[in-house]
Amino acid sequence: ALIIKDSYANALIPLLTANYQKLIILDPRSYWGTVGEITAKNDIDDIIFVNYALITSNADFVGYIDKILK
């Protein structure tokens, strides 16, 4: 699974290890590629967004998400 996250997801990630053989963790604030590149290289079936609910009001963070989804 690919997890697109901010720091709020750090507590959840250990719980997901029991359900997935492979987890790829992506913080859009520090990743410069695209989701398409990651999914193509890693045969990903599931994408999980785990973010602080009010982060969507932060224009900078929304810009980071927009950039990686192109």
PDB file of N, CA and C in Angstrom:
ATOM      1  N   ALA A   1       0.839  -1.177   0.000  1.00  0.00           N
ATOM      2  CA  ALA A   1       0.000   0.000   0.000  1.00  0.00           C
ATOM      3  C   ALA A   1       0.880   1.235   0.000  1.00  0.00           C
ATOM      4  N   LEU A   2       0.394   2.266  -0.596  1.00  0.00           N
ATOM      5  CA  LEU A   2       1.038   3.570  -0.570  1.00  0.00           C
ATOM      6  C   LEU A   2       0.276   4.423   0.428  1.00  0.00           C
ATOM      7  N   ILE A   3       0.995   4.997   1.399  1.00  0.00           N
ATOM      8  CA  ILE A   3       0.374   5.882   2.371  1.00  0.00           C
ATOM      9  C   ILE A   3       0.862   7.294   2.094  1.00  0.00           C
ATOM     10  N   ILE A   4      -0.064   8.180   1.768  1.00  0.00           N
ATOM     11  CA  ILE A   4       0.237   9.595   1.574  1.00  0.00           C
ATOM     12  C   ILE A   4      -0.177  10.280   2.859  1.00  0.00           C
ATOM     13  N   LYS A   5       0.791  10.935   3.521  1.00  0.00           N
ATOM     14  CA  LYS A   5       0.548  11.333   4.898  1.00  0.00           C
ATOM     15  C   LYS A   5       1.200  12.639   5.290  1.00  0.00           C
ATOM     16  N   ASP A   6       0.742  13.153   6.410  1.00  0.00           N
ATOM     17  CA  ASP A   6       1.474  14.170   7.141  1.00  0.00           C
ATOM     18  C   ASP A   6       1.903  13.521   8.453  1.00  0.00           C
ATOM     19  N   SER A   7       2.401  14.266   9.383  1.00  0.00           N
ATOM     20  CA  SER A   7       2.930  13.679  10.614  1.00  0.00           C
ATOM     21  C   SER A   7       1.864  12.993  11.472  1.00  0.00           C
ATOM     22  N   TYR A   8       0.612  13.310  11.281  1.00  0.00           N
ATOM     23  CA  TYR A   8      -0.451  12.682  12.067  1.00  0.00           C
ATOM     24  C   TYR A   8      -0.566  11.190  11.785  1.00  0.00           C
ATOM     25  N   ALA A   9      -0.085  10.724  10.671  1.00  0.00           N
ATOM     26  CA  ALA A   9      -0.182   9.307  10.327  1.00  0.00           C
ATOM     27  C   ALA A   9       0.872   8.453  11.005  1.00  0.00           C
ATOM     28  N   ASN A  10       1.878   9.064  11.588  1.00  0.00           N
ATOM     29  CA  ASN A  10       2.962   8.285  12.180  1.00  0.00           C
ATOM     30  C   ASN A  10       2.480   7.285  13.221  1.00  0.00           C
ATOM     31  N   ALA A  11       1.433   7.606  13.940  1.00  0.00           N
ATOM     32  CA  ALA A  11       0.893   6.689  14.943  1.00  0.00           C
ATOM     33  C   ALA A  11       0.119   5.533  14.312  1.00  0.00           C
ATOM     34  N   LEU A  12      -0.419   5.715  13.126  1.00  0.00           N
ATOM     35  CA  LEU A  12      -1.219   4.692  12.465  1.00  0.00           C
ATOM     36  C   LEU A  12      -0.369   3.676  11.699  1.00  0.00           C
ATOM     37  N   ILE A  13       0.728   4.095  11.181  1.00  0.00           N
ATOM     38  CA  ILE A  13       1.540   3.238  10.305  1.00  0.00           C
ATOM     39  C   ILE A  13       1.909   1.906  10.953  1.00  0.00           C
ATOM     40  N   PRO A  14       2.365   1.859  12.203  1.00  0.00           N
ATOM     41  CA  PRO A  14       2.680   0.552  12.794  1.00  0.00           C
ATOM     42  C   PRO A  14       1.487  -0.409  12.815  1.00  0.00           C
ATOM     43  N   LEU A  15       0.286   0.111  12.946  1.00  0.00           N
ATOM     44  CA  LEU A  15      -0.909  -0.743  12.948  1.00  0.00           C
ATOM     45  C   LEU A  15      -1.174  -1.348  11.576  1.00  0.00           C
ATOM     46  N   LEU A  16      -0.779  -0.658  10.523  1.00  0.00           N
ATOM     47  CA  LEU A  16      -1.017  -1.155   9.167  1.00  0.00           C
ATOM     48  C   LEU A  16      -0.050  -2.258   8.761  1.00  0.00           C
ATOM     49  N   THR A  17       1.058  -2.390   9.458  1.00  0.00           N
ATOM     50  CA  THR A  17       2.052  -3.399   9.071  1.00  0.00           C
ATOM     51  C   THR A  17       1.515  -4.821   9.193  1.00  0.00           C
ATOM     52  N   ALA A  18       0.531  -5.044  10.024  1.00  0.00           N
ATOM     53  CA  ALA A  18      -0.055  -6.376  10.161  1.00  0.00           C
ATOM     54  C   ALA A  18      -0.924  -6.753   8.970  1.00  0.00           C
ATOM     55  N   ASN A  19      -1.333  -5.758   8.177  1.00  0.00           N
ATOM     56  CA  ASN A  19      -2.267  -6.013   7.082  1.00  0.00           C
ATOM     57  C   ASN A  19      -1.664  -5.901   5.691  1.00  0.00           C
ATOM     58  N   TYR A  20      -0.432  -5.455   5.592  1.00  0.00           N
ATOM     59  CA  TYR A  20       0.197  -5.267   4.286  1.00  0.00           C
ATOM     60  C   TYR A  20       1.602  -5.845   4.298  1.00  0.00           C
ATOM     61  N   GLN A  21       1.970  -6.505   3.205  1.00  0.00           N
ATOM     62  CA  GLN A  21       3.330  -7.031   3.090  1.00  0.00           C
ATOM     63  C   GLN A  21       4.334  -5.908   2.872  1.00  0.00           C
ATOM     64  N   LYS A  22       3.896  -4.873   2.174  1.00  0.00           N
ATOM     65  CA  LYS A  22       4.795  -3.767   1.850  1.00  0.00           C
ATOM     66  C   LYS A  22       4.043  -2.453   1.998  1.00  0.00           C
ATOM     67  N   LEU A  23       4.651  -1.515   2.715  1.00  0.00           N
ATOM     68  CA  LEU A  23       4.105  -0.166   2.853  1.00  0.00           C
ATOM     69  C   LEU A  23       5.123   0.824   2.314  1.00  0.00           C
ATOM     70  N   ILE A  24       4.659   1.723   1.488  1.00  0.00           N
ATOM     71  CA  ILE A  24       5.488   2.828   1.019  1.00  0.00           C
ATOM     72  C   ILE A  24       4.885   4.090   1.606  1.00  0.00           C
ATOM     73  N   ILE A  25       5.714   4.827   2.318  1.00  0.00           N
ATOM     74  CA  ILE A  25       5.254   6.008   3.033  1.00  0.00           C
ATOM     75  C   ILE A  25       5.698   7.243   2.262  1.00  0.00           C
ATOM     76  N   LEU A  26       4.756   8.128   1.962  1.00  0.00           N
ATOM     77  CA  LEU A  26       5.059   9.325   1.186  1.00  0.00           C
ATOM     78  C   LEU A  26       4.526  10.548   1.903  1.00  0.00           C
ATOM     79  N   ASP A  27       5.423  11.471   2.196  1.00  0.00           N
ATOM     80  CA  ASP A  27       5.022  12.767   2.735  1.00  0.00           C
ATOM     81  C   ASP A  27       5.127  13.757   1.576  1.00  0.00           C
ATOM     82  N   PRO A  28       4.018  14.302   1.098  1.00  0.00           N
ATOM     83  CA  PRO A  28       4.055  15.159  -0.094  1.00  0.00           C
ATOM     84  C   PRO A  28       4.869  16.436   0.083  1.00  0.00           C
ATOM     85  N   ARG A  29       5.175  16.792   1.317  1.00  0.00           N
ATOM     86  CA  ARG A  29       5.990  17.989   1.547  1.00  0.00           C
ATOM     87  C   ARG A  29       7.455  17.761   1.189  1.00  0.00           C
ATOM     88  N   SER A  30       7.861  16.488   1.085  1.00  0.00           N
ATOM     89  CA  SER A  30       9.272  16.214   0.810  1.00  0.00           C
ATOM     90  C   SER A  30       9.478  15.224  -0.334  1.00  0.00           C
ATOM     91  N   TYR A  31       8.469  15.019  -1.170  1.00  0.00           N
ATOM     92  CA  TYR A  31       8.580  14.117  -2.310  1.00  0.00           C
ATOM     93  C   TYR A  31       8.380  14.917  -3.581  1.00  0.00           C
ATOM     94  N   TRP A  32       9.234  14.697  -4.563  1.00  0.00           N
ATOM     95  CA  TRP A  32       9.193  15.518  -5.777  1.00  0.00           C
ATOM     96  C   TRP A  32       8.724  14.752  -7.011  1.00  0.00           C
ATOM     97  N   GLY A  33       8.438  13.461  -6.878  1.00  0.00           N
ATOM     98  CA  GLY A  33       7.927  12.681  -8.000  1.00  0.00           C
ATOM     99  C   GLY A  33       6.406  12.721  -8.027  1.00  0.00           C
ATOM    100  N   THR A  34       5.819  11.708  -8.672  1.00  0.00           N
ATOM    101  CA  THR A  34       4.362  11.619  -8.740  1.00  0.00           C
ATOM    102  C   THR A  34       3.886  10.273  -8.188  1.00  0.00           C
ATOM    103  N   VAL A  35       2.634  10.222  -7.825  1.00  0.00           N
ATOM    104  CA  VAL A  35       2.037   8.988  -7.349  1.00  0.00           C
ATOM    105  C   VAL A  35       2.070   7.937  -8.459  1.00  0.00           C
ATOM    106  N   GLY A  36       1.854   8.368  -9.694  1.00  0.00           N
ATOM    107  CA  GLY A  36       1.892   7.436 -10.823  1.00  0.00           C
ATOM    108  C   GLY A  36       3.234   6.739 -10.954  1.00  0.00           C
ATOM    109  N   GLU A  37       4.310   7.462 -10.715  1.00  0.00           N
ATOM    110  CA  GLU A  37       5.646   6.863 -10.777  1.00  0.00           C
ATOM    111  C   GLU A  37       5.815   5.785  -9.705  1.00  0.00           C
ATOM    112  N   ILE A  38       5.370   6.086  -8.510  1.00  0.00           N
ATOM    113  CA  ILE A  38       5.515   5.126  -7.407  1.00  0.00           C
ATOM    114  C   ILE A  38       4.663   3.886  -7.642  1.00  0.00           C
ATOM    115  N   THR A  39       3.420   4.086  -8.052  1.00  0.00           N
ATOM    116  CA  THR A  39       2.535   2.928  -8.239  1.00  0.00           C
ATOM    117  C   THR A  39       3.013   2.050  -9.393  1.00  0.00           C
ATOM    118  N   ALA A  40       3.557   2.637 -10.432  1.00  0.00           N
ATOM    119  CA  ALA A  40       4.053   1.846 -11.563  1.00  0.00           C
ATOM    120  C   ALA A  40       5.277   1.016 -11.174  1.00  0.00           C
ATOM    121  N   LYS A  41       6.147   1.581 -10.374  1.00  0.00           N
ATOM    122  CA  LYS A  41       7.383   0.882  -9.986  1.00  0.00           C
ATOM    123  C   LYS A  41       7.151  -0.180  -8.925  1.00  0.00           C
ATOM    124  N   ASN A  42       6.097  -0.065  -8.149  1.00  0.00           N
ATOM    125  CA  ASN A  42       5.937  -0.915  -6.974  1.00  0.00           C
ATOM    126  C   ASN A  42       4.683  -1.779  -6.966  1.00  0.00           C
ATOM    127  N   ASP A  43       3.944  -1.850  -8.059  1.00  0.00           N
ATOM    128  CA  ASP A  43       2.756  -2.699  -8.143  1.00  0.00           C
ATOM    129  C   ASP A  43       1.827  -2.479  -6.940  1.00  0.00           C
ATOM    130  N   ILE A  44       1.401  -1.256  -6.751  1.00  0.00           N
ATOM    131  CA  ILE A  44       0.572  -0.870  -5.611  1.00  0.00           C
ATOM    132  C   ILE A  44      -0.907  -1.027  -5.951  1.00  0.00           C
ATOM    133  N   ASP A  45      -1.627  -1.668  -5.043  1.00  0.00           N
ATOM    134  CA  ASP A  45      -3.072  -1.848  -5.204  1.00  0.00           C
ATOM    135  C   ASP A  45      -3.885  -0.855  -4.376  1.00  0.00           C
ATOM    136  N   ASP A  46      -3.354  -0.444  -3.229  1.00  0.00           N
ATOM    137  CA  ASP A  46      -4.092   0.422  -2.315  1.00  0.00           C
ATOM    138  C   ASP A  46      -3.337   1.719  -2.071  1.00  0.00           C
ATOM    139  N   ILE A  47      -4.083   2.825  -2.065  1.00  0.00           N
ATOM    140  CA  ILE A  47      -3.535   4.136  -1.696  1.00  0.00           C
ATOM    141  C   ILE A  47      -4.360   4.649  -0.531  1.00  0.00           C
ATOM    142  N   ILE A  48      -3.665   5.001   0.546  1.00  0.00           N
ATOM    143  CA  ILE A  48      -4.323   5.455   1.766  1.00  0.00           C
ATOM    144  C   ILE A  48      -3.864   6.879   2.066  1.00  0.00           C
ATOM    145  N   PHE A  49      -4.809   7.786   2.202  1.00  0.00           N
ATOM    146  CA  PHE A  49      -4.508   9.158   2.618  1.00  0.00           C
ATOM    147  C   PHE A  49      -4.772   9.251   4.118  1.00  0.00           C
ATOM    148  N   VAL A  50      -3.765   9.673   4.869  1.00  0.00           N
ATOM    149  CA  VAL A  50      -3.932   9.876   6.304  1.00  0.00           C
ATOM    150  C   VAL A  50      -3.362  11.249   6.622  1.00  0.00           C
ATOM    151  N   ASN A  51      -4.247  12.192   6.860  1.00  0.00           N
ATOM    152  CA  ASN A  51      -3.829  13.563   7.118  1.00  0.00           C
ATOM    153  C   ASN A  51      -4.734  14.192   8.160  1.00  0.00           C
ATOM    154  N   TYR A  52      -4.208  15.193   8.813  1.00  0.00           N
ATOM    155  CA  TYR A  52      -4.974  16.009   9.740  1.00  0.00           C
ATOM    156  C   TYR A  52      -6.146  16.630   8.964  1.00  0.00           C
ATOM    157  N   ALA A  53      -7.332  16.537   9.501  1.00  0.00           N
ATOM    158  CA  ALA A  53      -8.534  16.960   8.773  1.00  0.00           C
ATOM    159  C   ALA A  53      -8.489  18.413   8.315  1.00  0.00           C
ATOM    160  N   LEU A  54      -7.939  19.292   9.109  1.00  0.00           N
ATOM    161  CA  LEU A  54      -7.943  20.709   8.747  1.00  0.00           C
ATOM    162  C   LEU A  54      -6.778  21.101   7.838  1.00  0.00           C
ATOM    163  N   ILE A  55      -5.927  20.139   7.486  1.00  0.00           N
ATOM    164  CA  ILE A  55      -4.802  20.460   6.604  1.00  0.00           C
ATOM    165  C   ILE A  55      -5.296  20.889   5.220  1.00  0.00           C
ATOM    166  N   THR A  56      -6.498  20.507   4.862  1.00  0.00           N
ATOM    167  CA  THR A  56      -7.032  20.894   3.555  1.00  0.00           C
ATOM    168  C   THR A  56      -7.273  22.395   3.446  1.00  0.00           C
ATOM    169  N   SER A  57      -7.265  23.086   4.569  1.00  0.00           N
ATOM    170  CA  SER A  57      -7.391  24.545   4.519  1.00  0.00           C
ATOM    171  C   SER A  57      -6.029  25.226   4.362  1.00  0.00           C
ATOM    172  N   ASN A  58      -4.964  24.447   4.345  1.00  0.00           N
ATOM    173  CA  ASN A  58      -3.614  24.969   4.170  1.00  0.00           C
ATOM    174  C   ASN A  58      -3.262  24.924   2.680  1.00  0.00           C
ATOM    175  N   ALA A  59      -3.208  26.069   2.041  1.00  0.00           N
ATOM    176  CA  ALA A  59      -2.980  26.131   0.591  1.00  0.00           C
ATOM    177  C   ALA A  59      -1.647  25.510   0.185  1.00  0.00           C
ATOM    178  N   ASP A  60      -0.627  25.666   1.001  1.00  0.00           N
ATOM    179  CA  ASP A  60       0.667  25.070   0.669  1.00  0.00           C
ATOM    180  C   ASP A  60       0.572  23.551   0.609  1.00  0.00           C
ATOM    181  N   PHE A  61      -0.065  22.944   1.620  1.00  0.00           N
ATOM    182  CA  PHE A  61      -0.177  21.487   1.644  1.00  0.00           C
ATOM    183  C   PHE A  61      -1.028  20.985   0.487  1.00  0.00           C
ATOM    184  N   VAL A  62      -2.096  21.665   0.195  1.00  0.00           N
ATOM    185  CA  VAL A  62      -2.951  21.280  -0.941  1.00  0.00           C
ATOM    186  C   VAL A  62      -2.140  21.357  -2.238  1.00  0.00           C
ATOM    187  N   GLY A  63      -1.274  22.339  -2.351  1.00  0.00           N
ATOM    188  CA  GLY A  63      -0.384  22.438  -3.511  1.00  0.00           C
ATOM    189  C   GLY A  63       0.547  21.250  -3.620  1.00  0.00           C
ATOM    190  N   TYR A  64       1.064  20.761  -2.487  1.00  0.00           N
ATOM    191  CA  TYR A  64       1.935  19.579  -2.501  1.00  0.00           C
ATOM    192  C   TYR A  64       1.166  18.354  -2.994  1.00  0.00           C
ATOM    193  N   ILE A  65      -0.056  18.195  -2.511  1.00  0.00           N
ATOM    194  CA  ILE A  65      -0.889  17.056  -2.951  1.00  0.00           C
ATOM    195  C   ILE A  65      -1.166  17.161  -4.442  1.00  0.00           C
ATOM    196  N   ASP A  66      -1.535  18.339  -4.891  1.00  0.00           N
ATOM    197  CA  ASP A  66      -1.812  18.549  -6.314  1.00  0.00           C
ATOM    198  C   ASP A  66      -0.599  18.187  -7.170  1.00  0.00           C
ATOM    199  N   LYS A  67       0.588  18.561  -6.719  1.00  0.00           N
ATOM    200  CA  LYS A  67       1.818  18.311  -7.467  1.00  0.00           C
ATOM    201  C   LYS A  67       2.083  16.811  -7.637  1.00  0.00           C
ATOM    202  N   ILE A  68       1.881  16.012  -6.581  1.00  0.00           N
ATOM    203  CA  ILE A  68       2.200  14.589  -6.684  1.00  0.00           C
ATOM    204  C   ILE A  68       1.138  13.793  -7.416  1.00  0.00           C
ATOM    205  N   LEU A  69      -0.066  14.344  -7.547  1.00  0.00           N
ATOM    206  CA  LEU A  69      -1.135  13.620  -8.231  1.00  0.00           C
ATOM    207  C   LEU A  69      -1.163  13.854  -9.739  1.00  0.00           C
ATOM    208  N   LYS A  70      -0.290  14.662 -10.254  1.00  0.00           N
ATOM    209  CA  LYS A  70      -0.253  14.942 -11.702  1.00  0.00           C
ATOM    210  C   LYS A  70       0.341  13.796 -12.460  1.00  0.00           C
TER     211      LYS A  70
END
